[in-house]
Amino acid sequence: MLVAIPICWLNLIHEIWIYMASLTALGFLIYGPVMLISLYALDLVPKKAAGMAAGFTGLWLCCRNRSRQCDYEHRH
């Protein structure tokens, strides 16, 4: 992830395939861990609570990232 972002920003020749490759890498690097966290939560709960567990982990990740962004904006 630390490589894909600078490649996207510093694309001086403006080739579309470089943008597509770096954004594809970012998509895999962000979606993969989120999917694994949800999958782990689904393994821990009974079948009846699977939807709630997946939604709760997604909500928790979203709120956690949002609170970090608010803390950063507050400090700077």
N, C-alpha and C. Protein backbone atom coordinates (compact mmCIF):
# COMPACT_ATOMS: atom_id res chain seq x y z
N MET A 1 0.83 -1.18 0.00
CA MET A 1 0.00 0.00 0.00
C MET A 1 0.88 1.25 0.00
N LEU A 2 1.99 1.16 0.70
CA LEU A 2 2.89 2.30 0.74
C LEU A 2 3.60 2.53 -0.59
N VAL A 3 3.53 1.56 -1.47
CA VAL A 3 4.14 1.71 -2.80
C VAL A 3 3.10 2.17 -3.82
N ALA A 4 1.87 1.69 -3.71
CA ALA A 4 0.84 1.98 -4.70
C ALA A 4 0.40 3.45 -4.68
N ILE A 5 0.34 4.05 -3.51
CA ILE A 5 -0.10 5.45 -3.42
C ILE A 5 0.91 6.40 -4.07
N PRO A 6 2.21 6.33 -3.73
CA PRO A 6 3.15 7.22 -4.41
C PRO A 6 3.24 6.99 -5.92
N ILE A 7 3.07 5.74 -6.35
CA ILE A 7 3.09 5.48 -7.80
C ILE A 7 1.93 6.20 -8.47
N CYS A 8 0.78 6.19 -7.83
CA CYS A 8 -0.38 6.87 -8.40
C CYS A 8 -0.18 8.39 -8.40
N TRP A 9 0.36 8.93 -7.32
CA TRP A 9 0.56 10.37 -7.22
C TRP A 9 1.69 10.88 -8.12
N LEU A 10 2.74 10.11 -8.22
CA LEU A 10 3.92 10.58 -8.94
C LEU A 10 3.99 10.06 -10.37
N ASN A 11 2.88 9.78 -10.97
CA ASN A 11 2.82 9.32 -12.35
C ASN A 11 3.03 10.52 -13.27
N LEU A 12 4.29 10.80 -13.59
CA LEU A 12 4.61 11.99 -14.36
C LEU A 12 4.31 11.85 -15.84
N ILE A 13 4.25 10.63 -16.34
CA ILE A 13 3.98 10.45 -17.76
C ILE A 13 2.49 10.28 -18.05
N HIS A 14 1.67 10.23 -17.02
CA HIS A 14 0.21 10.18 -17.11
C HIS A 14 -0.28 9.02 -17.98
N GLU A 15 0.31 7.87 -17.77
CA GLU A 15 -0.16 6.67 -18.47
C GLU A 15 -1.35 6.09 -17.71
N ILE A 16 -2.40 5.78 -18.44
CA ILE A 16 -3.63 5.28 -17.80
C ILE A 16 -3.40 3.92 -17.17
N TRP A 17 -2.56 3.09 -17.74
CA TRP A 17 -2.35 1.75 -17.18
C TRP A 17 -1.64 1.80 -15.83
N ILE A 18 -0.82 2.84 -15.61
CA ILE A 18 -0.17 3.00 -14.31
C ILE A 18 -1.20 3.36 -13.25
N TYR A 19 -2.12 4.27 -13.59
CA TYR A 19 -3.20 4.60 -12.67
C TYR A 19 -4.06 3.39 -12.37
N MET A 20 -4.41 2.65 -13.41
CA MET A 20 -5.27 1.48 -13.22
C MET A 20 -4.58 0.42 -12.37
N ALA A 21 -3.30 0.18 -12.61
CA ALA A 21 -2.57 -0.83 -11.83
C ALA A 21 -2.44 -0.43 -10.37
N SER A 22 -2.12 0.84 -10.12
CA SER A 22 -1.95 1.26 -8.73
C SER A 22 -3.29 1.29 -7.99
N LEU A 23 -4.36 1.70 -8.63
CA LEU A 23 -5.67 1.70 -7.98
C LEU A 23 -6.20 0.28 -7.78
N THR A 24 -5.87 -0.63 -8.70
CA THR A 24 -6.24 -2.03 -8.51
C THR A 24 -5.50 -2.61 -7.31
N ALA A 25 -4.21 -2.30 -7.20
CA ALA A 25 -3.43 -2.78 -6.05
C ALA A 25 -4.00 -2.22 -4.75
N LEU A 26 -4.37 -0.95 -4.74
CA LEU A 26 -4.98 -0.37 -3.54
C LEU A 26 -6.29 -1.06 -3.18
N GLY A 27 -7.10 -1.37 -4.18
CA GLY A 27 -8.36 -2.06 -3.93
C GLY A 27 -8.14 -3.42 -3.29
N PHE A 28 -7.19 -4.19 -3.80
CA PHE A 28 -6.89 -5.50 -3.21
C PHE A 28 -6.31 -5.36 -1.81
N LEU A 29 -5.47 -4.36 -1.60
CA LEU A 29 -4.82 -4.22 -0.30
C LEU A 29 -5.75 -3.67 0.77
N ILE A 30 -6.82 -3.01 0.37
CA ILE A 30 -7.79 -2.52 1.35
C ILE A 30 -8.89 -3.55 1.57
N TYR A 31 -9.42 -4.13 0.50
CA TYR A 31 -10.55 -5.06 0.63
C TYR A 31 -10.13 -6.37 1.28
N GLY A 32 -8.94 -6.84 1.01
CA GLY A 32 -8.48 -8.13 1.54
C GLY A 32 -8.53 -8.22 3.05
N PRO A 33 -7.87 -7.31 3.77
CA PRO A 33 -7.93 -7.38 5.24
C PRO A 33 -9.34 -7.19 5.81
N VAL A 34 -10.13 -6.33 5.20
CA VAL A 34 -11.51 -6.12 5.68
C VAL A 34 -12.31 -7.41 5.52
N MET A 35 -12.14 -8.09 4.39
CA MET A 35 -12.84 -9.35 4.16
C MET A 35 -12.38 -10.41 5.16
N LEU A 36 -11.09 -10.47 5.44
CA LEU A 36 -10.59 -11.47 6.38
C LEU A 36 -11.09 -11.23 7.80
N ILE A 37 -11.21 -9.96 8.19
CA ILE A 37 -11.75 -9.64 9.51
C ILE A 37 -13.21 -10.07 9.61
N SER A 38 -14.00 -9.80 8.57
CA SER A 38 -15.40 -10.23 8.57
C SER A 38 -15.52 -11.75 8.56
N LEU A 39 -14.67 -12.41 7.82
CA LEU A 39 -14.69 -13.87 7.78
C LEU A 39 -14.34 -14.47 9.13
N TYR A 40 -13.39 -13.88 9.82
CA TYR A 40 -13.03 -14.35 11.15
C TYR A 40 -14.20 -14.15 12.13
N ALA A 41 -14.89 -13.02 12.01
CA ALA A 41 -16.04 -12.76 12.88
C ALA A 41 -17.15 -13.77 12.59
N LEU A 42 -17.33 -14.14 11.34
CA LEU A 42 -18.36 -15.13 10.99
C LEU A 42 -18.04 -16.50 11.56
N ASP A 43 -16.76 -16.82 11.68
CA ASP A 43 -16.37 -18.11 12.26
C ASP A 43 -16.63 -18.17 13.76
N LEU A 44 -16.65 -17.02 14.41
CA LEU A 44 -16.78 -16.99 15.87
C LEU A 44 -18.22 -17.06 16.36
N VAL A 45 -19.18 -16.68 15.52
CA VAL A 45 -20.57 -16.57 15.98
C VAL A 45 -21.42 -17.71 15.43
N PRO A 46 -22.59 -17.96 16.05
CA PRO A 46 -23.51 -18.97 15.50
C PRO A 46 -24.09 -18.52 14.16
N LYS A 47 -24.70 -19.47 13.46
CA LYS A 47 -25.25 -19.21 12.12
C LYS A 47 -26.30 -18.10 12.12
N LYS A 48 -27.12 -18.05 13.16
CA LYS A 48 -28.21 -17.06 13.20
C LYS A 48 -27.69 -15.63 13.33
N ALA A 49 -26.51 -15.46 13.86
CA ALA A 49 -25.97 -14.12 14.09
C ALA A 49 -24.92 -13.73 13.05
N ALA A 50 -24.82 -14.47 11.95
CA ALA A 50 -23.76 -14.21 10.96
C ALA A 50 -23.89 -12.83 10.31
N GLY A 51 -25.11 -12.46 9.92
CA GLY A 51 -25.31 -11.16 9.30
C GLY A 51 -24.99 -10.01 10.23
N MET A 52 -25.39 -10.16 11.48
CA MET A 52 -25.11 -9.12 12.46
C MET A 52 -23.61 -9.00 12.73
N ALA A 53 -22.92 -10.12 12.78
CA ALA A 53 -21.48 -10.09 13.03
C ALA A 53 -20.74 -9.40 11.88
N ALA A 54 -21.12 -9.72 10.65
CA ALA A 54 -20.48 -9.08 9.49
C ALA A 54 -20.77 -7.59 9.48
N GLY A 55 -22.01 -7.21 9.74
CA GLY A 55 -22.36 -5.79 9.76
C GLY A 55 -21.68 -5.04 10.89
N PHE A 56 -21.59 -5.68 12.04
CA PHE A 56 -20.96 -5.04 13.20
C PHE A 56 -19.48 -4.80 12.96
N THR A 57 -18.77 -5.76 12.36
CA THR A 57 -17.34 -5.55 12.10
C THR A 57 -17.15 -4.45 11.07
N GLY A 58 -18.01 -4.41 10.05
CA GLY A 58 -17.92 -3.34 9.07
C GLY A 58 -18.19 -1.98 9.68
N LEU A 59 -19.20 -1.91 10.53
CA LEU A 59 -19.51 -0.65 11.21
C LEU A 59 -18.38 -0.23 12.13
N TRP A 60 -17.82 -1.20 12.85
CA TRP A 60 -16.72 -0.89 13.77
C TRP A 60 -15.51 -0.36 13.02
N LEU A 61 -15.18 -0.97 11.89
CA LEU A 61 -14.04 -0.50 11.11
C LEU A 61 -14.30 0.90 10.56
N CYS A 62 -15.52 1.15 10.12
CA CYS A 62 -15.87 2.46 9.58
C CYS A 62 -15.80 3.53 10.67
N CYS A 63 -16.37 3.26 11.83
CA CYS A 63 -16.37 4.23 12.92
C CYS A 63 -14.96 4.46 13.45
N ARG A 64 -14.17 3.42 13.49
CA ARG A 64 -12.79 3.56 13.97
C ARG A 64 -11.99 4.47 13.05
N ASN A 65 -12.12 4.26 11.75
CA ASN A 65 -11.40 5.11 10.80
C ASN A 65 -11.91 6.54 10.84
N ARG A 66 -13.21 6.71 11.02
CA ARG A 66 -13.79 8.05 11.09
C ARG A 66 -13.31 8.79 12.34
N SER A 67 -13.21 8.08 13.48
CA SER A 67 -12.75 8.74 14.70
C SER A 67 -11.28 9.13 14.59
N ARG A 68 -10.49 8.31 13.91
CA ARG A 68 -9.09 8.69 13.70
C ARG A 68 -8.99 9.94 12.84
N GLN A 69 -9.84 10.04 11.81
CA GLN A 69 -9.82 11.21 10.95
C GLN A 69 -10.24 12.45 11.74
N CYS A 70 -11.25 12.33 12.59
CA CYS A 70 -11.69 13.46 13.40
C CYS A 70 -10.60 13.88 14.40
N ASP A 71 -9.90 12.91 14.99
CA ASP A 71 -8.81 13.23 15.91
C ASP A 71 -7.69 13.96 15.18
N TYR A 72 -7.38 13.53 13.97
CA TYR A 72 -6.31 14.17 13.20
C TYR A 72 -6.69 15.61 12.87
N GLU A 73 -7.94 15.81 12.44
CA GLU A 73 -8.40 17.17 12.11
C GLU A 73 -8.42 18.06 13.34
N HIS A 74 -8.75 17.49 14.48
CA HIS A 74 -8.79 18.27 15.72
C HIS A 74 -7.40 18.71 16.17
N ARG A 75 -6.41 17.82 16.00
CA ARG A 75 -5.06 18.15 16.43
C ARG A 75 -4.34 19.11 15.50
N HIS A 76 -4.71 19.13 14.21
CA HIS A 76 -3.98 19.97 13.25
C HIS A 76 -4.80 21.13 12.80
